[in-house]
Amino acid sequence: MNDRIRQKFLDVHNELRSLVANGKAKDGYGGYAPKAAAMNKLKYDCDVEKYAVKHAAKCVFQHSNTRGLGENVYMRGSAYDPVKAAEDASRSWFGELAQHGVGKDLTFSMKLFNNKVGHYTQMVWQSTKVIGCAVQTCPRMSLAVCNYKEAGNMLNAKIYETGAPCSKCPGGCSEGLCVV
């Protein structure tokens, strides 16, 4: 991992979270995802990254058993530029919103999980504050992993609280995201 890859993961995640917070992310059910009242601007955490690096190094396209962290995994069948892989992985996970849709009920449920939007919902989970990610070039693929703290996708919990962007931020605001 290097700072260019880290920055790409962080920038794309925050760009896409900002789209949601500002009501500009297209939802596959029609219209746009509801605006978010208190979506955090993510920070990068190299301690969280260590879990992603360890898992990606296994070159296995599956989720790990890392407790207490959320996780997204992405695979492409060939080796390619890791900075591009960071962007492609992030946009692929987020693309589940437009492809499958979430709708206006933002309570995370098994129905929603089964609708194949779990990577997207983890990306925009309101209480998540930090990410740590990795890209690994493997013999037959490139693998990207991001871990999230706090973990998202908790059954019967709200993905995020709706409302005017930053209206419930405890501190500052940047591009519709809470700065903590």
N, C-alpha and C. Protein backbone atom coordinates (compact mmCIF):
# COMPACT_ATOMS: atom_id res chain seq x y z
N MET A 1 0.85 -1.19 0.00
CA MET A 1 0.00 0.00 0.00
C MET A 1 0.88 1.24 0.00
N ASN A 2 0.36 2.26 -0.64
CA ASN A 2 1.06 3.54 -0.61
C ASN A 2 0.03 4.66 -0.48
N ASP A 3 0.51 5.87 -0.28
CA ASP A 3 -0.40 6.99 -0.02
C ASP A 3 -1.31 7.31 -1.20
N ARG A 4 -0.87 7.07 -2.42
CA ARG A 4 -1.73 7.33 -3.59
C ARG A 4 -2.95 6.41 -3.57
N ILE A 5 -2.74 5.15 -3.23
CA ILE A 5 -3.85 4.19 -3.17
C ILE A 5 -4.78 4.54 -2.01
N ARG A 6 -4.21 4.81 -0.86
CA ARG A 6 -5.01 5.20 0.31
C ARG A 6 -5.87 6.42 -0.01
N GLN A 7 -5.25 7.43 -0.60
CA GLN A 7 -5.97 8.67 -0.90
C GLN A 7 -7.09 8.43 -1.91
N LYS A 8 -6.86 7.55 -2.88
CA LYS A 8 -7.90 7.27 -3.88
C LYS A 8 -9.10 6.61 -3.21
N PHE A 9 -8.86 5.60 -2.38
CA PHE A 9 -9.97 4.97 -1.66
C PHE A 9 -10.75 6.02 -0.85
N LEU A 10 -10.03 6.83 -0.10
CA LEU A 10 -10.66 7.82 0.77
C LEU A 10 -11.43 8.86 -0.03
N ASP A 11 -10.81 9.40 -1.07
CA ASP A 11 -11.46 10.45 -1.86
C ASP A 11 -12.73 9.94 -2.55
N VAL A 12 -12.66 8.75 -3.13
CA VAL A 12 -13.84 8.22 -3.82
C VAL A 12 -14.95 7.90 -2.82
N HIS A 13 -14.60 7.30 -1.70
CA HIS A 13 -15.62 7.03 -0.68
C HIS A 13 -16.31 8.33 -0.24
N ASN A 14 -15.54 9.36 0.06
CA ASN A 14 -16.15 10.62 0.51
C ASN A 14 -16.92 11.32 -0.60
N GLU A 15 -16.45 11.24 -1.83
CA GLU A 15 -17.20 11.80 -2.96
C GLU A 15 -18.58 11.15 -3.08
N LEU A 16 -18.60 9.82 -2.96
CA LEU A 16 -19.86 9.09 -3.13
C LEU A 16 -20.77 9.27 -1.91
N ARG A 17 -20.20 9.32 -0.72
CA ARG A 17 -21.01 9.60 0.48
C ARG A 17 -21.62 11.00 0.38
N SER A 18 -20.88 11.94 -0.17
CA SER A 18 -21.39 13.30 -0.35
C SER A 18 -22.56 13.33 -1.33
N LEU A 19 -22.48 12.52 -2.39
CA LEU A 19 -23.61 12.43 -3.33
C LEU A 19 -24.87 12.00 -2.60
N VAL A 20 -24.74 10.98 -1.75
CA VAL A 20 -25.90 10.50 -0.99
C VAL A 20 -26.38 11.58 -0.03
N ALA A 21 -25.47 12.14 0.74
CA ALA A 21 -25.84 13.14 1.75
C ALA A 21 -26.60 14.31 1.12
N ASN A 22 -26.24 14.66 -0.10
CA ASN A 22 -26.86 15.80 -0.78
C ASN A 22 -28.03 15.41 -1.68
N GLY A 23 -28.45 14.14 -1.61
CA GLY A 23 -29.62 13.70 -2.39
C GLY A 23 -29.37 13.62 -3.88
N LYS A 24 -28.13 13.35 -4.30
CA LYS A 24 -27.79 13.33 -5.72
C LYS A 24 -27.36 11.95 -6.22
N ALA A 25 -27.63 10.90 -5.44
CA ALA A 25 -27.26 9.54 -5.84
C ALA A 25 -28.49 8.82 -6.36
N LYS A 26 -28.43 8.37 -7.61
CA LYS A 26 -29.57 7.71 -8.23
C LYS A 26 -29.83 6.35 -7.60
N ASP A 27 -31.10 6.10 -7.29
CA ASP A 27 -31.56 4.86 -6.68
C ASP A 27 -32.23 4.01 -7.74
N GLY A 28 -31.90 2.73 -7.79
CA GLY A 28 -32.47 1.82 -8.77
C GLY A 28 -33.97 1.66 -8.67
N TYR A 29 -34.56 2.04 -7.55
CA TYR A 29 -36.02 1.99 -7.41
C TYR A 29 -36.67 3.21 -8.02
N GLY A 30 -35.87 4.14 -8.49
CA GLY A 30 -36.39 5.38 -9.06
C GLY A 30 -36.07 6.55 -8.16
N GLY A 31 -35.84 7.69 -8.75
CA GLY A 31 -35.50 8.88 -7.98
C GLY A 31 -34.09 8.80 -7.44
N TYR A 32 -33.92 9.40 -6.27
CA TYR A 32 -32.61 9.51 -5.65
C TYR A 32 -32.67 9.05 -4.20
N ALA A 33 -31.52 8.61 -3.69
CA ALA A 33 -31.44 8.24 -2.28
C ALA A 33 -31.77 9.47 -1.43
N PRO A 34 -32.47 9.27 -0.31
CA PRO A 34 -32.80 10.41 0.56
C PRO A 34 -31.55 11.11 1.07
N LYS A 35 -31.67 12.41 1.32
CA LYS A 35 -30.56 13.19 1.88
C LYS A 35 -30.24 12.69 3.29
N ALA A 36 -28.99 12.87 3.69
CA ALA A 36 -28.54 12.42 5.01
C ALA A 36 -28.27 13.60 5.93
N ALA A 37 -28.80 13.52 7.14
CA ALA A 37 -28.67 14.61 8.12
C ALA A 37 -27.32 14.62 8.83
N ALA A 38 -26.66 13.47 8.92
CA ALA A 38 -25.42 13.41 9.71
C ALA A 38 -24.48 12.32 9.21
N MET A 39 -24.14 12.35 7.94
CA MET A 39 -23.21 11.37 7.40
C MET A 39 -21.78 11.88 7.59
N ASN A 40 -20.95 11.04 8.19
CA ASN A 40 -19.58 11.44 8.50
C ASN A 40 -18.68 11.49 7.27
N LYS A 41 -17.78 12.45 7.25
CA LYS A 41 -16.69 12.46 6.28
C LYS A 41 -15.66 11.47 6.81
N LEU A 42 -15.33 10.48 6.02
CA LEU A 42 -14.43 9.43 6.48
C LEU A 42 -12.99 9.91 6.59
N LYS A 43 -12.27 9.27 7.50
CA LYS A 43 -10.83 9.44 7.63
C LYS A 43 -10.18 8.09 7.34
N TYR A 44 -8.91 8.12 7.03
CA TYR A 44 -8.18 6.88 6.75
C TYR A 44 -7.44 6.45 8.01
N ASP A 45 -7.46 5.13 8.29
CA ASP A 45 -6.85 4.59 9.50
C ASP A 45 -5.92 3.44 9.12
N CYS A 46 -4.63 3.63 9.31
CA CYS A 46 -3.66 2.61 8.94
C CYS A 46 -3.73 1.38 9.84
N ASP A 47 -4.25 1.51 11.06
CA ASP A 47 -4.45 0.34 11.91
C ASP A 47 -5.57 -0.54 11.35
N VAL A 48 -6.64 0.08 10.86
CA VAL A 48 -7.72 -0.68 10.22
C VAL A 48 -7.22 -1.28 8.90
N GLU A 49 -6.35 -0.55 8.22
CA GLU A 49 -5.77 -1.04 6.96
C GLU A 49 -5.06 -2.38 7.15
N LYS A 50 -4.41 -2.57 8.28
CA LYS A 50 -3.66 -3.81 8.53
C LYS A 50 -4.53 -5.05 8.36
N TYR A 51 -5.80 -4.96 8.77
CA TYR A 51 -6.72 -6.09 8.61
C TYR A 51 -7.01 -6.34 7.13
N ALA A 52 -7.18 -5.26 6.37
CA ALA A 52 -7.45 -5.39 4.94
C ALA A 52 -6.24 -5.98 4.22
N VAL A 53 -5.05 -5.51 4.56
CA VAL A 53 -3.82 -6.02 3.94
C VAL A 53 -3.66 -7.51 4.22
N LYS A 54 -3.88 -7.90 5.47
CA LYS A 54 -3.73 -9.31 5.86
C LYS A 54 -4.71 -10.19 5.07
N HIS A 55 -5.95 -9.72 4.94
CA HIS A 55 -6.93 -10.53 4.22
C HIS A 55 -6.65 -10.55 2.72
N ALA A 56 -6.33 -9.41 2.15
CA ALA A 56 -6.08 -9.34 0.70
C ALA A 56 -4.88 -10.22 0.31
N ALA A 57 -3.89 -10.32 1.18
CA ALA A 57 -2.69 -11.10 0.90
C ALA A 57 -2.99 -12.59 0.71
N LYS A 58 -4.13 -13.05 1.21
CA LYS A 58 -4.52 -14.46 1.05
C LYS A 58 -4.96 -14.76 -0.38
N CYS A 59 -5.27 -13.70 -1.15
CA CYS A 59 -5.70 -13.87 -2.55
C CYS A 59 -6.91 -14.79 -2.68
N VAL A 60 -7.85 -14.65 -1.76
CA VAL A 60 -9.09 -15.42 -1.78
C VAL A 60 -10.25 -14.44 -1.83
N PHE A 61 -11.12 -14.61 -2.82
CA PHE A 61 -12.25 -13.70 -3.00
C PHE A 61 -13.41 -14.13 -2.11
N GLN A 62 -13.31 -13.75 -0.84
CA GLN A 62 -14.38 -13.99 0.13
C GLN A 62 -14.16 -13.05 1.31
N HIS A 63 -15.18 -12.93 2.14
CA HIS A 63 -15.06 -12.06 3.32
C HIS A 63 -14.24 -12.77 4.40
N SER A 64 -13.58 -11.97 5.22
CA SER A 64 -12.81 -12.51 6.34
C SER A 64 -13.72 -12.64 7.55
N ASN A 65 -13.14 -13.05 8.65
CA ASN A 65 -13.89 -13.16 9.91
C ASN A 65 -13.51 -12.04 10.86
N THR A 66 -13.08 -10.90 10.34
CA THR A 66 -12.66 -9.79 11.18
C THR A 66 -13.83 -9.26 11.98
N ARG A 67 -13.76 -9.40 13.29
CA ARG A 67 -14.85 -8.97 14.16
C ARG A 67 -14.76 -7.47 14.44
N GLY A 68 -15.93 -6.85 14.50
CA GLY A 68 -15.98 -5.44 14.87
C GLY A 68 -15.75 -4.47 13.73
N LEU A 69 -15.44 -4.98 12.55
CA LEU A 69 -15.22 -4.13 11.38
C LEU A 69 -16.16 -4.56 10.26
N GLY A 70 -16.64 -3.59 9.50
CA GLY A 70 -17.34 -3.90 8.27
C GLY A 70 -16.31 -4.20 7.19
N GLU A 71 -16.77 -4.84 6.11
CA GLU A 71 -15.81 -5.21 5.08
C GLU A 71 -16.47 -5.30 3.71
N ASN A 72 -15.79 -4.77 2.71
CA ASN A 72 -16.16 -4.94 1.31
C ASN A 72 -14.98 -5.56 0.58
N VAL A 73 -15.29 -6.48 -0.34
CA VAL A 73 -14.26 -7.17 -1.12
C VAL A 73 -14.61 -7.06 -2.59
N TYR A 74 -13.60 -6.83 -3.43
CA TYR A 74 -13.79 -6.66 -4.88
C TYR A 74 -12.70 -7.45 -5.59
N MET A 75 -13.07 -8.07 -6.72
CA MET A 75 -12.12 -8.85 -7.49
C MET A 75 -12.26 -8.52 -8.96
N ARG A 76 -11.11 -8.44 -9.62
CA ARG A 76 -11.08 -8.32 -11.08
C ARG A 76 -10.14 -9.40 -11.58
N GLY A 77 -10.52 -10.05 -12.66
CA GLY A 77 -9.81 -11.23 -13.14
C GLY A 77 -8.46 -11.01 -13.76
N SER A 78 -7.86 -9.87 -13.58
CA SER A 78 -6.51 -9.64 -14.11
C SER A 78 -5.81 -8.60 -13.24
N ALA A 79 -4.49 -8.61 -13.34
CA ALA A 79 -3.71 -7.62 -12.60
C ALA A 79 -3.81 -6.27 -13.31
N TYR A 80 -3.94 -5.20 -12.55
CA TYR A 80 -3.92 -3.86 -13.13
C TYR A 80 -3.55 -2.83 -12.09
N ASP A 81 -3.41 -1.59 -12.53
CA ASP A 81 -2.94 -0.50 -11.68
C ASP A 81 -3.71 -0.45 -10.36
N PRO A 82 -3.01 -0.51 -9.22
CA PRO A 82 -3.70 -0.53 -7.93
C PRO A 82 -4.50 0.74 -7.62
N VAL A 83 -4.07 1.89 -8.11
CA VAL A 83 -4.85 3.12 -7.89
C VAL A 83 -6.18 3.03 -8.64
N LYS A 84 -6.12 2.51 -9.86
CA LYS A 84 -7.35 2.30 -10.65
C LYS A 84 -8.22 1.25 -9.97
N ALA A 85 -7.61 0.21 -9.41
CA ALA A 85 -8.37 -0.82 -8.69
C ALA A 85 -9.10 -0.23 -7.49
N ALA A 86 -8.45 0.69 -6.78
CA ALA A 86 -9.09 1.35 -5.63
C ALA A 86 -10.33 2.11 -6.07
N GLU A 87 -10.22 2.83 -7.17
CA GLU A 87 -11.37 3.58 -7.67
C GLU A 87 -12.46 2.65 -8.18
N ASP A 88 -12.07 1.66 -8.98
CA ASP A 88 -13.06 0.74 -9.55
C ASP A 88 -13.81 -0.03 -8.47
N ALA A 89 -13.09 -0.49 -7.46
CA ALA A 89 -13.73 -1.22 -6.36
C ALA A 89 -14.76 -0.34 -5.67
N SER A 90 -14.36 0.87 -5.32
CA SER A 90 -15.26 1.78 -4.60
C SER A 90 -16.50 2.10 -5.43
N ARG A 91 -16.31 2.36 -6.71
CA ARG A 91 -17.45 2.69 -7.57
C ARG A 91 -18.33 1.47 -7.84
N SER A 92 -17.74 0.30 -7.88
CA SER A 92 -18.52 -0.92 -8.06
C SER A 92 -19.42 -1.17 -6.85
N TRP A 93 -18.87 -1.04 -5.65
CA TRP A 93 -19.67 -1.23 -4.44
C TRP A 93 -20.82 -0.23 -4.40
N PHE A 94 -20.50 1.01 -4.68
CA PHE A 94 -21.51 2.07 -4.64
C PHE A 94 -22.56 1.86 -5.74
N GLY A 95 -22.15 1.28 -6.85
CA GLY A 95 -23.05 1.05 -7.98
C GLY A 95 -24.24 0.17 -7.67
N GLU A 96 -24.18 -0.56 -6.57
CA GLU A 96 -25.33 -1.39 -6.18
C GLU A 96 -26.58 -0.56 -5.95
N LEU A 97 -26.43 0.69 -5.53
CA LEU A 97 -27.59 1.57 -5.32
C LEU A 97 -28.35 1.76 -6.62
N ALA A 98 -27.67 2.14 -7.68
CA ALA A 98 -28.32 2.37 -8.97
C ALA A 98 -28.77 1.07 -9.62
N GLN A 99 -28.00 0.01 -9.42
CA GLN A 99 -28.31 -1.27 -10.07
C GLN A 99 -29.48 -1.98 -9.41
N HIS A 100 -29.48 -2.07 -8.09
CA HIS A 100 -30.49 -2.86 -7.38
C HIS A 100 -31.50 -2.01 -6.62
N GLY A 101 -31.10 -0.85 -6.15
CA GLY A 101 -32.01 0.04 -5.43
C GLY A 101 -32.14 -0.27 -3.96
N VAL A 102 -32.44 0.79 -3.20
CA VAL A 102 -32.67 0.67 -1.76
C VAL A 102 -34.05 1.19 -1.39
N GLY A 103 -34.45 2.30 -1.98
CA GLY A 103 -35.76 2.88 -1.67
C GLY A 103 -35.67 3.86 -0.51
N LYS A 104 -36.83 4.22 0.00
CA LYS A 104 -36.90 5.25 1.05
C LYS A 104 -36.80 4.70 2.46
N ASP A 105 -37.15 3.41 2.65
CA ASP A 105 -37.04 2.80 3.98
C ASP A 105 -35.58 2.42 4.21
N LEU A 106 -34.89 3.15 5.06
CA LEU A 106 -33.47 2.95 5.26
C LEU A 106 -33.15 2.06 6.46
N THR A 107 -34.09 1.22 6.85
CA THR A 107 -33.82 0.24 7.90
C THR A 107 -33.18 -0.98 7.24
N PHE A 108 -32.00 -1.36 7.73
CA PHE A 108 -31.30 -2.50 7.14
C PHE A 108 -32.00 -3.79 7.54
N SER A 109 -32.39 -4.57 6.55
CA SER A 109 -33.16 -5.80 6.78
C SER A 109 -32.58 -6.93 5.93
N MET A 110 -33.03 -8.15 6.21
CA MET A 110 -32.61 -9.29 5.39
C MET A 110 -33.09 -9.11 3.95
N LYS A 111 -34.27 -8.53 3.79
CA LYS A 111 -34.77 -8.27 2.44
C LYS A 111 -33.81 -7.36 1.68
N LEU A 112 -33.35 -6.32 2.34
CA LEU A 112 -32.41 -5.40 1.72
C LEU A 112 -31.08 -6.10 1.44
N PHE A 113 -30.60 -6.87 2.40
CA PHE A 113 -29.35 -7.62 2.23
C PHE A 113 -29.46 -8.56 1.03
N ASN A 114 -30.58 -9.27 0.94
CA ASN A 114 -30.78 -10.21 -0.16
C ASN A 114 -30.95 -9.52 -1.50
N ASN A 115 -31.20 -8.21 -1.48
CA ASN A 115 -31.32 -7.43 -2.71
C ASN A 115 -29.94 -7.03 -3.26
N LYS A 116 -28.89 -7.54 -2.64
CA LYS A 116 -27.51 -7.34 -3.11
C LYS A 116 -27.06 -5.89 -3.08
N VAL A 117 -27.31 -5.22 -1.98
CA VAL A 117 -26.84 -3.84 -1.82
C VAL A 117 -25.96 -3.67 -0.58
N GLY A 118 -25.49 -4.77 -0.01
CA GLY A 118 -24.72 -4.72 1.23
C GLY A 118 -23.39 -3.98 1.14
N HIS A 119 -22.75 -4.01 -0.02
CA HIS A 119 -21.50 -3.24 -0.17
C HIS A 119 -21.81 -1.75 -0.15
N TYR A 120 -22.87 -1.37 -0.88
CA TYR A 120 -23.29 0.04 -0.89
C TYR A 120 -23.66 0.51 0.52
N THR A 121 -24.50 -0.27 1.21
CA THR A 121 -24.96 0.17 2.53
C THR A 121 -23.80 0.29 3.51
N GLN A 122 -22.81 -0.61 3.41
CA GLN A 122 -21.63 -0.46 4.27
C GLN A 122 -20.89 0.83 3.95
N MET A 123 -20.78 1.17 2.68
CA MET A 123 -20.07 2.40 2.28
C MET A 123 -20.70 3.66 2.85
N VAL A 124 -22.02 3.67 2.96
CA VAL A 124 -22.72 4.90 3.38
C VAL A 124 -23.28 4.80 4.80
N TRP A 125 -22.87 3.79 5.55
CA TRP A 125 -23.37 3.63 6.93
C TRP A 125 -23.01 4.87 7.74
N GLN A 126 -24.01 5.47 8.34
CA GLN A 126 -23.85 6.77 8.99
C GLN A 126 -22.76 6.79 10.06
N SER A 127 -22.72 5.78 10.92
CA SER A 127 -21.81 5.83 12.07
C SER A 127 -20.37 5.46 11.72
N THR A 128 -20.12 5.01 10.50
CA THR A 128 -18.75 4.70 10.10
C THR A 128 -17.94 6.00 10.06
N LYS A 129 -16.75 5.94 10.66
CA LYS A 129 -15.89 7.13 10.73
C LYS A 129 -14.56 6.95 10.00
N VAL A 130 -14.07 5.70 9.94
CA VAL A 130 -12.77 5.46 9.31
C VAL A 130 -12.81 4.24 8.41
N ILE A 131 -11.90 4.26 7.42
CA ILE A 131 -11.69 3.09 6.56
C ILE A 131 -10.20 2.78 6.53
N GLY A 132 -9.92 1.53 6.20
CA GLY A 132 -8.57 1.08 5.91
C GLY A 132 -8.69 0.04 4.82
N CYS A 133 -7.91 0.16 3.76
CA CYS A 133 -8.11 -0.66 2.57
C CYS A 133 -6.79 -1.24 2.07
N ALA A 134 -6.91 -2.17 1.12
CA ALA A 134 -5.73 -2.78 0.51
C ALA A 134 -6.06 -3.22 -0.91
N VAL A 135 -5.04 -3.22 -1.75
CA VAL A 135 -5.13 -3.81 -3.09
C VAL A 135 -3.99 -4.81 -3.19
N GLN A 136 -4.32 -6.02 -3.64
CA GLN A 136 -3.32 -7.08 -3.77
C GLN A 136 -3.36 -7.63 -5.19
N THR A 137 -2.20 -7.69 -5.83
CA THR A 137 -2.11 -8.35 -7.13
C THR A 137 -1.83 -9.82 -6.87
N CYS A 138 -2.74 -10.67 -7.33
CA CYS A 138 -2.68 -12.11 -7.09
C CYS A 138 -2.37 -12.82 -8.41
N PRO A 139 -2.08 -14.12 -8.37
CA PRO A 139 -1.74 -14.83 -9.61
C PRO A 139 -2.80 -14.72 -10.72
N ARG A 140 -4.07 -14.78 -10.38
CA ARG A 140 -5.11 -14.76 -11.40
C ARG A 140 -6.09 -13.60 -11.27
N MET A 141 -5.78 -12.64 -10.39
CA MET A 141 -6.74 -11.54 -10.17
C MET A 141 -6.08 -10.41 -9.40
N SER A 142 -6.78 -9.30 -9.38
CA SER A 142 -6.48 -8.21 -8.45
C SER A 142 -7.60 -8.21 -7.42
N LEU A 143 -7.24 -8.05 -6.17
CA LEU A 143 -8.21 -8.09 -5.08
C LEU A 143 -8.13 -6.79 -4.29
N ALA A 144 -9.28 -6.19 -4.03
CA ALA A 144 -9.35 -4.99 -3.20
C ALA A 144 -10.23 -5.29 -1.99
N VAL A 145 -9.80 -4.82 -0.84
CA VAL A 145 -10.54 -5.02 0.41
C VAL A 145 -10.56 -3.69 1.16
N CYS A 146 -11.73 -3.31 1.66
CA CYS A 146 -11.84 -2.18 2.57
C CYS A 146 -12.51 -2.64 3.85
N ASN A 147 -11.95 -2.22 4.98
CA ASN A 147 -12.58 -2.45 6.27
C ASN A 147 -13.08 -1.11 6.80
N TYR A 148 -14.19 -1.18 7.54
CA TYR A 148 -14.91 0.01 7.99
C TYR A 148 -15.12 -0.06 9.50
N LYS A 149 -14.89 1.07 10.17
CA LYS A 149 -15.13 1.17 11.60
C LYS A 149 -15.89 2.46 11.84
N GLU A 150 -17.00 2.41 12.36
CA GLU A 150 -17.80 1.33 12.90
C GLU A 150 -18.38 0.48 11.76
N ALA A 151 -18.60 -0.79 12.08
CA ALA A 151 -19.20 -1.69 11.10
C ALA A 151 -20.64 -1.29 10.82
N GLY A 152 -21.06 -1.51 9.60
CA GLY A 152 -22.44 -1.25 9.21
C GLY A 152 -23.20 -2.54 9.04
N ASN A 153 -24.32 -2.44 8.33
CA ASN A 153 -25.16 -3.59 7.99
C ASN A 153 -25.65 -4.36 9.21
N MET A 154 -26.07 -3.61 10.22
CA MET A 154 -26.66 -4.21 11.41
C MET A 154 -28.16 -4.33 11.21
N LEU A 155 -28.68 -5.54 11.37
CA LEU A 155 -30.11 -5.78 11.14
C LEU A 155 -30.97 -4.87 12.00
N ASN A 156 -31.99 -4.34 11.40
CA ASN A 156 -33.00 -3.47 12.02
C ASN A 156 -32.46 -2.10 12.44
N ALA A 157 -31.25 -1.76 12.03
CA ALA A 157 -30.69 -0.43 12.31
C ALA A 157 -30.84 0.44 11.07
N LYS A 158 -30.87 1.74 11.27
CA LYS A 158 -30.95 2.69 10.16
C LYS A 158 -29.59 2.79 9.47
N ILE A 159 -29.61 2.76 8.15
CA ILE A 159 -28.39 2.95 7.37
C ILE A 159 -27.86 4.36 7.65
N TYR A 160 -28.75 5.33 7.56
CA TYR A 160 -28.44 6.70 7.95
C TYR A 160 -29.73 7.44 8.23
N GLU A 161 -29.60 8.53 8.98
CA GLU A 161 -30.76 9.36 9.31
C GLU A 161 -30.99 10.36 8.19
N THR A 162 -32.23 10.45 7.76
CA THR A 162 -32.55 11.38 6.68
C THR A 162 -32.77 12.79 7.22
N GLY A 163 -32.57 13.76 6.35
CA GLY A 163 -32.77 15.16 6.71
C GLY A 163 -31.88 16.05 5.87
N ALA A 164 -31.97 17.33 6.10
CA ALA A 164 -31.13 18.29 5.38
C ALA A 164 -29.66 17.97 5.66
N PRO A 165 -28.81 17.98 4.62
CA PRO A 165 -27.40 17.65 4.82
C PRO A 165 -26.77 18.48 5.95
N CYS A 166 -26.08 17.79 6.83
CA CYS A 166 -25.35 18.39 7.96
C CYS A 166 -26.25 18.96 9.05
N SER A 167 -27.56 18.80 8.93
CA SER A 167 -28.47 19.40 9.92
C SER A 167 -28.32 18.79 11.31
N LYS A 168 -27.73 17.59 11.41
CA LYS A 168 -27.54 16.95 12.71
C LYS A 168 -26.07 16.68 13.01
N CYS A 169 -25.19 17.36 12.31
CA CYS A 169 -23.76 17.21 12.58
C CYS A 169 -23.41 17.88 13.90
N PRO A 170 -22.63 17.21 14.75
CA PRO A 170 -22.25 17.82 16.02
C PRO A 170 -21.21 18.93 15.86
N GLY A 171 -20.48 18.92 14.76
CA GLY A 171 -19.43 19.92 14.54
C GLY A 171 -19.58 20.56 13.17
N GLY A 172 -18.48 20.60 12.44
CA GLY A 172 -18.46 21.24 11.14
C GLY A 172 -19.04 20.40 10.02
N CYS A 173 -19.09 21.02 8.83
CA CYS A 173 -19.69 20.38 7.67
C CYS A 173 -18.82 20.67 6.44
N SER A 174 -18.66 19.67 5.59
CA SER A 174 -17.93 19.84 4.34
C SER A 174 -18.61 19.02 3.25
N GLU A 175 -19.13 19.69 2.24
CA GLU A 175 -19.77 19.03 1.10
C GLU A 175 -20.88 18.08 1.53
N GLY A 176 -21.64 18.47 2.55
CA GLY A 176 -22.75 17.68 3.03
C GLY A 176 -22.37 16.61 4.03
N LEU A 177 -21.10 16.51 4.38
CA LEU A 177 -20.62 15.49 5.32
C LEU A 177 -20.17 16.14 6.62
N CYS A 178 -20.44 15.43 7.72
CA CYS A 178 -20.02 15.90 9.04
C CYS A 178 -18.51 15.73 9.20
N VAL A 179 -17.86 16.78 9.65
CA VAL A 179 -16.43 16.72 9.91
C VAL A 179 -16.24 16.49 11.40
N VAL A 180 -15.69 15.33 11.74
CA VAL A 180 -15.52 14.96 13.15
C VAL A 180 -14.06 14.81 13.51
